[in-house]
Amino acid sequence: EKDEPGEEVRVTYRELLELTCRLGNILKRQGVKRGDRVTIYMPPCPLAVASMLACARIGAVHTVVFAGFSAESLADRIRD
């Protein structure tokens, strides 16, 4: 669901799998590998979900942060 009432995005499992695989390949091309740490800074959306799944698929540890965090809190979470 988006921020506006009544607005939503529907994604099938197949679409989510395809997006997850594409993002996983992009991450691997960027040098991300099993055991690496990735911080995902995105609003809640299907792309954010696929990003988390892509990290899990290639074995990268991920954390998710959102814009609502203060700069200090954001830095702490990234360091952790």
Protein backbone atom coordinates (compact mmCIF):
# COMPACT_ATOMS: atom_id res chain seq x y z
CA GLU A 1 0.00 0.00 0.00
CA LYS A 2 1.19 3.47 -0.79
CA ASP A 3 0.91 6.55 1.41
CA GLU A 4 -2.29 7.72 -0.26
CA PRO A 5 -5.43 5.83 0.81
CA GLY A 6 -6.65 3.47 -1.88
CA GLU A 7 -3.37 3.42 -3.79
CA GLU A 8 -1.62 0.08 -3.90
CA VAL A 9 0.84 -1.86 -6.01
CA ARG A 10 0.18 -5.54 -6.67
CA VAL A 11 3.09 -7.83 -7.42
CA THR A 12 2.82 -11.52 -8.26
CA TYR A 13 5.21 -14.07 -6.81
CA ARG A 14 6.71 -14.52 -10.27
CA GLU A 15 7.31 -10.77 -10.67
CA LEU A 16 8.88 -10.63 -7.21
CA LEU A 17 11.15 -13.58 -8.02
CA GLU A 18 12.27 -12.01 -11.31
CA LEU A 19 12.98 -8.67 -9.63
CA THR A 20 14.81 -10.40 -6.79
CA CYS A 21 17.02 -12.34 -9.22
CA ARG A 22 17.82 -9.21 -11.23
CA LEU A 23 18.74 -7.27 -8.10
CA GLY A 24 20.86 -10.17 -6.86
CA ASN A 25 22.78 -10.16 -10.13
CA ILE A 26 23.27 -6.39 -9.91
CA LEU A 27 24.61 -6.73 -6.37
CA LYS A 28 27.00 -9.49 -7.45
CA ARG A 29 28.26 -7.37 -10.36
CA GLN A 30 28.94 -4.61 -7.85
CA GLY A 31 31.11 -7.02 -5.88
CA VAL A 32 28.69 -7.96 -3.10
CA LYS A 33 29.23 -11.56 -2.01
CA ARG A 34 28.24 -14.04 0.68
CA GLY A 35 28.91 -12.61 4.14
CA ASP A 36 29.11 -8.97 3.02
CA ARG A 37 26.99 -6.41 4.83
CA VAL A 38 24.47 -4.28 2.95
CA THR A 39 22.39 -1.38 4.26
CA ILE A 40 19.14 -0.76 2.40
CA TYR A 41 17.88 2.83 2.56
CA MET A 42 14.57 2.84 0.73
CA PRO A 43 10.93 3.61 1.48
CA PRO A 44 8.68 0.60 2.05
CA CYS A 45 7.84 -0.65 -1.45
CA PRO A 46 8.05 -3.82 -3.55
CA LEU A 47 11.58 -2.85 -4.66
CA ALA A 48 12.71 -2.69 -1.02
CA VAL A 49 11.28 -6.16 -0.38
CA ALA A 50 13.02 -7.52 -3.47
CA SER A 51 16.28 -5.90 -2.33
CA MET A 52 16.07 -7.66 1.04
CA LEU A 53 15.31 -10.97 -0.66
CA ALA A 54 18.17 -10.46 -3.14
CA CYS A 55 20.62 -9.96 -0.27
CA ALA A 56 19.36 -13.11 1.41
CA ARG A 57 19.54 -15.00 -1.89
CA ILE A 58 23.25 -14.24 -2.38
CA GLY A 59 24.07 -14.66 1.31
CA ALA A 60 24.73 -11.00 2.14
CA VAL A 61 23.69 -9.78 5.57
CA HIS A 62 21.34 -6.82 5.27
CA THR A 63 19.81 -4.16 7.46
CA VAL A 64 17.01 -1.80 6.56
CA VAL A 65 16.89 1.87 7.56
CA PHE A 66 14.28 4.48 6.75
CA ALA A 67 14.29 8.25 6.41
CA GLY A 68 12.58 8.67 9.79
CA PHE A 69 15.84 7.92 11.64
CA SER A 70 18.01 10.78 12.87
CA ALA A 71 21.47 11.13 11.34
CA GLU A 72 23.10 9.78 14.52
CA SER A 73 20.69 6.85 14.76
CA LEU A 74 21.20 6.10 11.09
CA ALA A 75 25.00 6.10 11.49
CA ASP A 76 24.73 3.80 14.53
CA ARG A 77 22.55 1.31 12.67
CA ILE A 78 24.89 1.27 9.66
CA ARG A 79 27.93 0.71 11.91
CA ASP A 80 26.12 -2.10 13.78
